[in-house]
Amino acid sequence: SPQVRGLCGTYNGDQRDEFATPVGDVESSVSAFADKYRVPGACPARGPFAADPCDAYAGQRDAAEAACAVLHGSAFQ
């Protein structure tokens, strides 16, 4: 059993199991995966995501790049 899983991924070098759900199945889409972690009643289920989020939300690109920079930073090395 992996030490890290869920929204953090499994950190085992195999991208096929990165969308593992809390019950152990593996989803093939981001929206289905995210819905498995949604707290019932906390927020509505997500629909399909835009093919390219940067095109759909062009005004958010700078904020997204800043947030991603944290994930690529030394804290997650």
C-alpha atoms as a PDB file:
ATOM      1  CA  SER A   1       0.000   0.000   0.000  1.00  0.00           C
ATOM      2  CA  PRO A   2       1.448   3.415  -0.906  1.00  0.00           C
ATOM      3  CA  GLN A   3       2.377   5.830   1.845  1.00  0.00           C
ATOM      4  CA  VAL A   4       0.996   8.793  -0.146  1.00  0.00           C
ATOM      5  CA  ARG A   5      -2.219   8.650  -2.155  1.00  0.00           C
ATOM      6  CA  GLY A   6      -5.375  10.517  -3.055  1.00  0.00           C
ATOM      7  CA  LEU A   7      -5.122  14.152  -4.012  1.00  0.00           C
ATOM      8  CA  CYS A   8      -1.348  14.022  -3.479  1.00  0.00           C
ATOM      9  CA  GLY A   9      -0.919  11.121  -5.903  1.00  0.00           C
ATOM     10  CA  THR A  10       0.981   7.946  -5.076  1.00  0.00           C
ATOM     11  CA  TYR A  11       4.508   9.215  -5.774  1.00  0.00           C
ATOM     12  CA  ASN A  12       5.489   5.869  -7.267  1.00  0.00           C
ATOM     13  CA  GLY A  13       6.372   7.016 -10.800  1.00  0.00           C
ATOM     14  CA  ASP A  14       3.287   5.334 -12.310  1.00  0.00           C
ATOM     15  CA  GLN A  15       0.876   7.988 -13.576  1.00  0.00           C
ATOM     16  CA  ARG A  16      -1.834   5.386 -14.272  1.00  0.00           C
ATOM     17  CA  ASP A  17      -2.788   5.267 -10.584  1.00  0.00           C
ATOM     18  CA  GLU A  18      -2.676   8.992  -9.794  1.00  0.00           C
ATOM     19  CA  PHE A  19      -6.488   9.252  -9.858  1.00  0.00           C
ATOM     20  CA  ALA A  20      -6.981   6.623  -7.132  1.00  0.00           C
ATOM     21  CA  THR A  21     -10.137   7.341  -5.143  1.00  0.00           C
ATOM     22  CA  PRO A  22     -10.736   6.907  -1.396  1.00  0.00           C
ATOM     23  CA  VAL A  23     -12.234   3.450  -2.046  1.00  0.00           C
ATOM     24  CA  GLY A  24      -9.268   2.333  -4.161  1.00  0.00           C
ATOM     25  CA  ASP A  25     -10.691   2.442  -7.682  1.00  0.00           C
ATOM     26  CA  VAL A  26      -8.973   4.561 -10.349  1.00  0.00           C
ATOM     27  CA  GLU A  27     -10.899   7.205 -12.271  1.00  0.00           C
ATOM     28  CA  SER A  28     -10.016   8.125 -15.829  1.00  0.00           C
ATOM     29  CA  SER A  29     -11.117  11.771 -15.736  1.00  0.00           C
ATOM     30  CA  VAL A  30     -10.261  14.714 -13.509  1.00  0.00           C
ATOM     31  CA  SER A  31     -13.906  15.610 -12.851  1.00  0.00           C
ATOM     32  CA  ALA A  32     -14.873  12.060 -11.809  1.00  0.00           C
ATOM     33  CA  PHE A  33     -11.797  11.873  -9.577  1.00  0.00           C
ATOM     34  CA  ALA A  34     -12.509  15.232  -7.931  1.00  0.00           C
ATOM     35  CA  ASP A  35     -16.140  14.269  -7.301  1.00  0.00           C
ATOM     36  CA  LYS A  36     -15.005  11.214  -5.301  1.00  0.00           C
ATOM     37  CA  TYR A  37     -13.307  13.564  -2.806  1.00  0.00           C
ATOM     38  CA  ARG A  38     -16.201  16.028  -2.644  1.00  0.00           C
ATOM     39  CA  VAL A  39     -17.914  16.225   0.749  1.00  0.00           C
ATOM     40  CA  PRO A  40     -21.627  15.529   0.199  1.00  0.00           C
ATOM     41  CA  GLY A  41     -23.617  18.730   0.483  1.00  0.00           C
ATOM     42  CA  ALA A  42     -20.529  20.948   0.653  1.00  0.00           C
ATOM     43  CA  CYS A  43     -20.489  21.945  -3.014  1.00  0.00           C
ATOM     44  CA  PRO A  44     -22.135  20.907  -6.269  1.00  0.00           C
ATOM     45  CA  ALA A  45     -20.677  18.161  -8.442  1.00  0.00           C
ATOM     46  CA  ARG A  46     -18.337  19.416 -11.140  1.00  0.00           C
ATOM     47  CA  GLY A  47     -19.187  19.079 -14.786  1.00  0.00           C
ATOM     48  CA  PRO A  48     -16.610  18.265 -17.456  1.00  0.00           C
ATOM     49  CA  PHE A  49     -13.616  20.596 -17.376  1.00  0.00           C
ATOM     50  CA  ALA A  50     -12.643  22.792 -20.291  1.00  0.00           C
ATOM     51  CA  ALA A  51     -10.143  21.145 -22.624  1.00  0.00           C
ATOM     52  CA  ASP A  52      -7.638  23.915 -21.900  1.00  0.00           C
ATOM     53  CA  PRO A  53      -8.289  25.774 -18.647  1.00  0.00           C
ATOM     54  CA  CYS A  54      -5.905  28.574 -19.662  1.00  0.00           C
ATOM     55  CA  ASP A  55      -8.108  29.333 -22.667  1.00  0.00           C
ATOM     56  CA  ALA A  56     -11.325  29.186 -20.638  1.00  0.00           C
ATOM     57  CA  TYR A  57      -9.973  31.352 -17.784  1.00  0.00           C
ATOM     58  CA  ALA A  58      -7.346  33.518 -19.466  1.00  0.00           C
ATOM     59  CA  GLY A  59      -7.596  36.185 -16.743  1.00  0.00           C
ATOM     60  CA  GLN A  60      -6.533  33.658 -14.088  1.00  0.00           C
ATOM     61  CA  ARG A  61      -3.280  32.591 -15.776  1.00  0.00           C
ATOM     62  CA  ASP A  62      -0.968  34.667 -13.527  1.00  0.00           C
ATOM     63  CA  ALA A  63      -2.642  33.416 -10.346  1.00  0.00           C
ATOM     64  CA  ALA A  64      -2.500  29.813 -11.597  1.00  0.00           C
ATOM     65  CA  GLU A  65       1.177  30.078 -12.482  1.00  0.00           C
ATOM     66  CA  ALA A  66       1.952  31.538  -9.048  1.00  0.00           C
ATOM     67  CA  ALA A  67       0.064  28.689  -7.340  1.00  0.00           C
ATOM     68  CA  CYS A  68       1.826  26.075  -9.479  1.00  0.00           C
ATOM     69  CA  ALA A  69       5.189  27.629  -8.697  1.00  0.00           C
ATOM     70  CA  VAL A  70       4.631  26.623  -5.066  1.00  0.00           C
ATOM     71  CA  LEU A  71       4.110  22.988  -6.119  1.00  0.00           C
ATOM     72  CA  HIS A  72       7.280  23.084  -8.193  1.00  0.00           C
ATOM     73  CA  GLY A  73       9.217  24.777  -5.371  1.00  0.00           C
ATOM     74  CA  SER A  74      11.569  23.338  -2.781  1.00  0.00           C
ATOM     75  CA  ALA A  75       8.791  22.402  -0.338  1.00  0.00           C
ATOM     76  CA  PHE A  76       7.660  19.650  -2.711  1.00  0.00           C
ATOM     77  CA  GLN A  77      11.060  18.408  -3.903  1.00  0.00           C
END
